[in-house]
């Protein structure tokens, strides 16, 4: 599985990469590889990181006004 985030979500998550990396004791490069979709989500660590990324993206992305 590969993460698929919109450009707006990627911009938001870029600012959170250091705190998420620190939380999971990994590098910011690893977190950004998951955000950009260049790293598959096939390990327990990548699944935990993806879960946190998705949660943060859902929480911080503004809803569209319709």
PDB file of N, CA and C in Angstrom:
ATOM      1  N   UNK A   1       0.847  -1.174   0.000  1.00  0.00           N
ATOM      2  CA  UNK A   1       0.000   0.000   0.000  1.00  0.00           C
ATOM      3  C   UNK A   1       0.895   1.241   0.000  1.00  0.00           C
ATOM      4  N   UNK A   2       0.476   2.227  -0.740  1.00  0.00           N
ATOM      5  CA  UNK A   2       1.209   3.493  -0.808  1.00  0.00           C
ATOM      6  C   UNK A   2       0.262   4.613  -0.368  1.00  0.00           C
ATOM      7  N   UNK A   3       0.774   5.540   0.425  1.00  0.00           N
ATOM      8  CA  UNK A   3      -0.027   6.664   0.899  1.00  0.00           C
ATOM      9  C   UNK A   3      -0.338   7.607  -0.255  1.00  0.00           C
ATOM     10  N   UNK A   4      -1.553   8.108  -0.256  1.00  0.00           N
ATOM     11  CA  UNK A   4      -1.959   9.088  -1.263  1.00  0.00           C
ATOM     12  C   UNK A   4      -2.528  10.298  -0.546  1.00  0.00           C
ATOM     13  N   UNK A   5      -1.727  11.344  -0.478  1.00  0.00           N
ATOM     14  CA  UNK A   5      -2.151  12.592   0.135  1.00  0.00           C
ATOM     15  C   UNK A   5      -2.263  13.651  -0.947  1.00  0.00           C
ATOM     16  N   UNK A   6      -3.204  14.575  -0.779  1.00  0.00           N
ATOM     17  CA  UNK A   6      -3.338  15.683  -1.724  1.00  0.00           C
ATOM     18  C   UNK A   6      -2.176  16.656  -1.520  1.00  0.00           C
ATOM     19  N   UNK A   7      -2.004  17.559  -2.456  1.00  0.00           N
ATOM     20  CA  UNK A   7      -0.929  18.557  -2.340  1.00  0.00           C
ATOM     21  C   UNK A   7      -1.115  19.420  -1.100  1.00  0.00           C
ATOM     22  N   UNK A   8      -2.367  19.761  -0.790  1.00  0.00           N
ATOM     23  CA  UNK A   8      -2.636  20.567   0.395  1.00  0.00           C
ATOM     24  C   UNK A   8      -2.268  19.796   1.664  1.00  0.00           C
ATOM     25  N   UNK A   9      -2.605  18.521   1.709  1.00  0.00           N
ATOM     26  CA  UNK A   9      -2.262  17.700   2.866  1.00  0.00           C
ATOM     27  C   UNK A   9      -0.751  17.532   2.982  1.00  0.00           C
ATOM     28  N   UNK A  10      -0.065  17.365   1.856  1.00  0.00           N
ATOM     29  CA  UNK A  10       1.395  17.232   1.881  1.00  0.00           C
ATOM     30  C   UNK A  10       2.043  18.483   2.455  1.00  0.00           C
ATOM     31  N   UNK A  11       1.521  19.639   2.095  1.00  0.00           N
ATOM     32  CA  UNK A  11       2.055  20.898   2.612  1.00  0.00           C
ATOM     33  C   UNK A  11       1.874  20.975   4.130  1.00  0.00           C
ATOM     34  N   UNK A  12       0.718  20.566   4.600  1.00  0.00           N
ATOM     35  CA  UNK A  12       0.448  20.581   6.041  1.00  0.00           C
ATOM     36  C   UNK A  12       1.370  19.593   6.761  1.00  0.00           C
ATOM     37  N   UNK A  13       1.500  18.400   6.210  1.00  0.00           N
ATOM     38  CA  UNK A  13       2.292  17.353   6.862  1.00  0.00           C
ATOM     39  C   UNK A  13       3.781  17.644   6.828  1.00  0.00           C
ATOM     40  N   UNK A  14       4.214  18.433   5.852  1.00  0.00           N
ATOM     41  CA  UNK A  14       5.627  18.800   5.775  1.00  0.00           C
ATOM     42  C   UNK A  14       6.063  19.533   7.046  1.00  0.00           C
ATOM     43  N   UNK A  15       5.175  20.336   7.590  1.00  0.00           N
ATOM     44  CA  UNK A  15       5.481  21.069   8.814  1.00  0.00           C
ATOM     45  C   UNK A  15       5.479  20.204  10.064  1.00  0.00           C
ATOM     46  N   UNK A  16       4.897  19.025   9.961  1.00  0.00           N
ATOM     47  CA  UNK A  16       4.799  18.136  11.118  1.00  0.00           C
ATOM     48  C   UNK A  16       5.790  16.980  11.077  1.00  0.00           C
ATOM     49  N   UNK A  17       6.617  16.928  10.029  1.00  0.00           N
ATOM     50  CA  UNK A  17       7.489  15.766   9.845  1.00  0.00           C
ATOM     51  C   UNK A  17       8.451  15.554  11.000  1.00  0.00           C
ATOM     52  N   UNK A  18       9.001  16.609  11.566  1.00  0.00           N
ATOM     53  CA  UNK A  18       9.974  16.468  12.651  1.00  0.00           C
ATOM     54  C   UNK A  18       9.330  15.903  13.908  1.00  0.00           C
ATOM     55  N   UNK A  19       8.151  16.390  14.249  1.00  0.00           N
ATOM     56  CA  UNK A  19       7.499  15.904  15.472  1.00  0.00           C
ATOM     57  C   UNK A  19       7.028  14.457  15.314  1.00  0.00           C
ATOM     58  N   UNK A  20       6.551  14.091  14.140  1.00  0.00           N
ATOM     59  CA  UNK A  20       6.130  12.707  13.912  1.00  0.00           C
ATOM     60  C   UNK A  20       7.347  11.782  13.905  1.00  0.00           C
ATOM     61  N   UNK A  21       8.434  12.229  13.288  1.00  0.00           N
ATOM     62  CA  UNK A  21       9.664  11.423  13.276  1.00  0.00           C
ATOM     63  C   UNK A  21      10.197  11.227  14.695  1.00  0.00           C
ATOM     64  N   UNK A  22      10.163  12.276  15.488  1.00  0.00           N
ATOM     65  CA  UNK A  22      10.632  12.184  16.875  1.00  0.00           C
ATOM     66  C   UNK A  22       9.747  11.223  17.673  1.00  0.00           C
ATOM     67  N   UNK A  23       8.447  11.295  17.461  1.00  0.00           N
ATOM     68  CA  UNK A  23       7.516  10.420  18.179  1.00  0.00           C
ATOM     69  C   UNK A  23       7.796   8.945  17.892  1.00  0.00           C
ATOM     70  N   UNK A  24       8.150   8.640  16.640  1.00  0.00           N
ATOM     71  CA  UNK A  24       8.342   7.251  16.232  1.00  0.00           C
ATOM     72  C   UNK A  24       9.818   6.838  16.162  1.00  0.00           C
ATOM     73  N   UNK A  25      10.708   7.715  16.603  1.00  0.00           N
ATOM     74  CA  UNK A  25      12.156   7.439  16.622  1.00  0.00           C
ATOM     75  C   UNK A  25      12.678   7.018  15.250  1.00  0.00           C
ATOM     76  N   UNK A  26      12.365   7.834  14.253  1.00  0.00           N
ATOM     77  CA  UNK A  26      12.864   7.581  12.907  1.00  0.00           C
ATOM     78  C   UNK A  26      13.290   8.915  12.296  1.00  0.00           C
ATOM     79  N   UNK A  27      13.752   8.884  11.065  1.00  0.00           N
ATOM     80  CA  UNK A  27      14.229  10.104  10.430  1.00  0.00           C
ATOM     81  C   UNK A  27      13.084  10.872   9.763  1.00  0.00           C
ATOM     82  N   UNK A  28      13.300  12.155   9.574  1.00  0.00           N
ATOM     83  CA  UNK A  28      12.320  12.968   8.857  1.00  0.00           C
ATOM     84  C   UNK A  28      12.244  12.539   7.396  1.00  0.00           C
ATOM     85  N   UNK A  29      13.338  12.046   6.861  1.00  0.00           N
ATOM     86  CA  UNK A  29      13.355  11.552   5.484  1.00  0.00           C
ATOM     87  C   UNK A  29      12.399  10.375   5.332  1.00  0.00           C
ATOM     88  N   UNK A  30      12.409   9.481   6.296  1.00  0.00           N
ATOM     89  CA  UNK A  30      11.522   8.318   6.268  1.00  0.00           C
ATOM     90  C   UNK A  30      10.057   8.757   6.289  1.00  0.00           C
ATOM     91  N   UNK A  31       9.743   9.723   7.137  1.00  0.00           N
ATOM     92  CA  UNK A  31       8.370  10.240   7.220  1.00  0.00           C
ATOM     93  C   UNK A  31       7.967  10.870   5.889  1.00  0.00           C
ATOM     94  N   UNK A  32       8.846  11.656   5.301  1.00  0.00           N
ATOM     95  CA  UNK A  32       8.508  12.318   4.037  1.00  0.00           C
ATOM     96  C   UNK A  32       8.407  11.320   2.884  1.00  0.00           C
ATOM     97  N   UNK A  33       9.151  10.241   2.927  1.00  0.00           N
ATOM     98  CA  UNK A  33       9.006   9.214   1.898  1.00  0.00           C
ATOM     99  C   UNK A  33       7.606   8.607   1.951  1.00  0.00           C
ATOM    100  N   UNK A  34       7.075   8.426   3.139  1.00  0.00           N
ATOM    101  CA  UNK A  34       5.715   7.912   3.282  1.00  0.00           C
ATOM    102  C   UNK A  34       4.713   8.943   2.787  1.00  0.00           C
ATOM    103  N   UNK A  35       4.909  10.210   3.147  1.00  0.00           N
ATOM    104  CA  UNK A  35       4.002  11.278   2.703  1.00  0.00           C
ATOM    105  C   UNK A  35       3.994  11.390   1.190  1.00  0.00           C
ATOM    106  N   UNK A  36       5.159  11.339   0.572  1.00  0.00           N
ATOM    107  CA  UNK A  36       5.256  11.515  -0.880  1.00  0.00           C
ATOM    108  C   UNK A  36       4.891  10.269  -1.673  1.00  0.00           C
ATOM    109  N   UNK A  37       4.715   9.147  -0.995  1.00  0.00           N
ATOM    110  CA  UNK A  37       4.331   7.922  -1.679  1.00  0.00           C
ATOM    111  C   UNK A  37       5.492   7.162  -2.289  1.00  0.00           C
ATOM    112  N   UNK A  38       6.715   7.501  -1.918  1.00  0.00           N
ATOM    113  CA  UNK A  38       7.875   6.788  -2.448  1.00  0.00           C
ATOM    114  C   UNK A  38       8.276   5.615  -1.555  1.00  0.00           C
ATOM    115  N   UNK A  39       7.578   5.427  -0.444  1.00  0.00           N
ATOM    116  CA  UNK A  39       7.848   4.326   0.489  1.00  0.00           C
ATOM    117  C   UNK A  39       6.548   3.593   0.742  1.00  0.00           C
ATOM    118  N   UNK A  40       6.566   2.282   0.575  1.00  0.00           N
ATOM    119  CA  UNK A  40       5.371   1.489   0.821  1.00  0.00           C
ATOM    120  C   UNK A  40       5.087   1.378   2.315  1.00  0.00           C
ATOM    121  N   UNK A  41       3.828   1.196   2.623  1.00  0.00           N
ATOM    122  CA  UNK A  41       3.402   1.058   4.015  1.00  0.00           C
ATOM    123  C   UNK A  41       3.221  -0.434   4.271  1.00  0.00           C
ATOM    124  N   UNK A  42       4.334  -1.105   4.566  1.00  0.00           N
ATOM    125  CA  UNK A  42       4.285  -2.550   4.720  1.00  0.00           C
ATOM    126  C   UNK A  42       4.996  -3.055   5.976  1.00  0.00           C
ATOM    127  N   UNK A  43       5.384  -2.152   6.856  1.00  0.00           N
ATOM    128  CA  UNK A  43       6.008  -2.545   8.120  1.00  0.00           C
ATOM    129  C   UNK A  43       5.183  -1.968   9.269  1.00  0.00           C
ATOM    130  N   UNK A  44       5.308  -2.538  10.448  1.00  0.00           N
ATOM    131  CA  UNK A  44       4.563  -1.984  11.587  1.00  0.00           C
ATOM    132  C   UNK A  44       4.879  -0.499  11.835  1.00  0.00           C
ATOM    133  N   UNK A  45       6.157  -0.114  11.695  1.00  0.00           N
ATOM    134  CA  UNK A  45       6.523   1.287  11.901  1.00  0.00           C
ATOM    135  C   UNK A  45       5.865   2.192  10.861  1.00  0.00           C
ATOM    136  N   UNK A  46       5.928   1.811   9.605  1.00  0.00           N
ATOM    137  CA  UNK A  46       5.332   2.654   8.558  1.00  0.00           C
ATOM    138  C   UNK A  46       3.817   2.726   8.712  1.00  0.00           C
ATOM    139  N   UNK A  47       3.190   1.669   9.208  1.00  0.00           N
ATOM    140  CA  UNK A  47       1.744   1.691   9.441  1.00  0.00           C
ATOM    141  C   UNK A  47       1.382   2.658  10.569  1.00  0.00           C
ATOM    142  N   UNK A  48       2.189   2.674  11.621  1.00  0.00           N
ATOM    143  CA  UNK A  48       1.949   3.605  12.733  1.00  0.00           C
ATOM    144  C   UNK A  48       2.139   5.054  12.267  1.00  0.00           C
ATOM    145  N   UNK A  49       3.190   5.286  11.491  1.00  0.00           N
ATOM    146  CA  UNK A  49       3.455   6.636  10.978  1.00  0.00           C
ATOM    147  C   UNK A  49       2.317   7.076  10.064  1.00  0.00           C
ATOM    148  N   UNK A  50       1.888   6.191   9.175  1.00  0.00           N
ATOM    149  CA  UNK A  50       0.793   6.526   8.261  1.00  0.00           C
ATOM    150  C   UNK A  50      -0.485   6.848   9.025  1.00  0.00           C
ATOM    151  N   UNK A  51      -0.769   6.081  10.068  1.00  0.00           N
ATOM    152  CA  UNK A  51      -1.961   6.326  10.881  1.00  0.00           C
ATOM    153  C   UNK A  51      -1.913   7.724  11.496  1.00  0.00           C
ATOM    154  N   UNK A  52      -0.762   8.110  12.041  1.00  0.00           N
ATOM    155  CA  UNK A  52      -0.610   9.444  12.617  1.00  0.00           C
ATOM    156  C   UNK A  52      -0.701  10.533  11.551  1.00  0.00           C
ATOM    157  N   UNK A  53      -0.067  10.288  10.405  1.00  0.00           N
ATOM    158  CA  UNK A  53      -0.123  11.269   9.307  1.00  0.00           C
ATOM    159  C   UNK A  53      -1.560  11.485   8.840  1.00  0.00           C
ATOM    160  N   UNK A  54      -2.293  10.402   8.659  1.00  0.00           N
ATOM    161  CA  UNK A  54      -3.675  10.493   8.185  1.00  0.00           C
ATOM    162  C   UNK A  54      -4.539  11.221   9.198  1.00  0.00           C
ATOM    163  N   UNK A  55      -4.333  10.910  10.477  1.00  0.00           N
ATOM    164  CA  UNK A  55      -5.100  11.573  11.531  1.00  0.00           C
ATOM    165  C   UNK A  55      -4.836  13.078  11.523  1.00  0.00           C
ATOM    166  N   UNK A  56      -3.566  13.466  11.456  1.00  0.00           N
ATOM    167  CA  UNK A  56      -3.209  14.879  11.450  1.00  0.00           C
ATOM    168  C   UNK A  56      -3.738  15.585  10.199  1.00  0.00           C
ATOM    169  N   UNK A  57      -3.633  14.921   9.045  1.00  0.00           N
ATOM    170  CA  UNK A  57      -4.117  15.519   7.797  1.00  0.00           C
ATOM    171  C   UNK A  57      -5.625  15.735   7.865  1.00  0.00           C
ATOM    172  N   UNK A  58      -6.370  14.757   8.383  1.00  0.00           N
ATOM    173  CA  UNK A  58      -7.818  14.898   8.500  1.00  0.00           C
ATOM    174  C   UNK A  58      -8.182  16.005   9.461  1.00  0.00           C
ATOM    175  N   UNK A  59      -7.428  16.123  10.549  1.00  0.00           N
ATOM    176  CA  UNK A  59      -7.732  17.128  11.569  1.00  0.00           C
ATOM    177  C   UNK A  59      -7.392  18.548  11.099  1.00  0.00           C
ATOM    178  N   UNK A  60      -6.293  18.714  10.400  1.00  0.00           N
ATOM    179  CA  UNK A  60      -5.799  20.050  10.062  1.00  0.00           C
ATOM    180  C   UNK A  60      -6.234  20.562   8.694  1.00  0.00           C
ATOM    181  N   UNK A  61      -6.761  19.707   7.837  1.00  0.00           N
ATOM    182  CA  UNK A  61      -7.197  20.158   6.518  1.00  0.00           C
ATOM    183  C   UNK A  61      -8.561  20.829   6.653  1.00  0.00           C
ATOM    184  N   UNK A  62      -8.665  22.072   6.176  1.00  0.00           N
ATOM    185  CA  UNK A  62      -9.956  22.770   6.291  1.00  0.00           C
ATOM    186  C   UNK A  62     -11.027  22.124   5.409  1.00  0.00           C
ATOM    187  N   UNK A  63     -12.248  22.139   5.908  1.00  0.00           N
ATOM    188  CA  UNK A  63     -13.352  21.595   5.128  1.00  0.00           C
ATOM    189  C   UNK A  63     -13.759  22.619   4.073  1.00  0.00           C
ATOM    190  N   UNK A  64     -14.216  22.126   2.943  1.00  0.00           N
ATOM    191  CA  UNK A  64     -14.665  23.039   1.884  1.00  0.00           C
ATOM    192  C   UNK A  64     -16.052  23.556   2.217  1.00  0.00           C
ATOM    193  N   UNK A  65     -16.300  24.813   1.909  1.00  0.00           N
ATOM    194  CA  UNK A  65     -17.619  25.432   2.161  1.00  0.00           C
ATOM    195  C   UNK A  65     -18.500  25.211   0.964  1.00  0.00           C
ATOM    196  N   UNK A  66     -19.612  24.559   1.212  1.00  0.00           N
ATOM    197  CA  UNK A  66     -20.546  24.311   0.115  1.00  0.00           C
ATOM    198  C   UNK A  66     -21.917  24.810   0.452  1.00  0.00           C
TER     199      UNK A  66
END
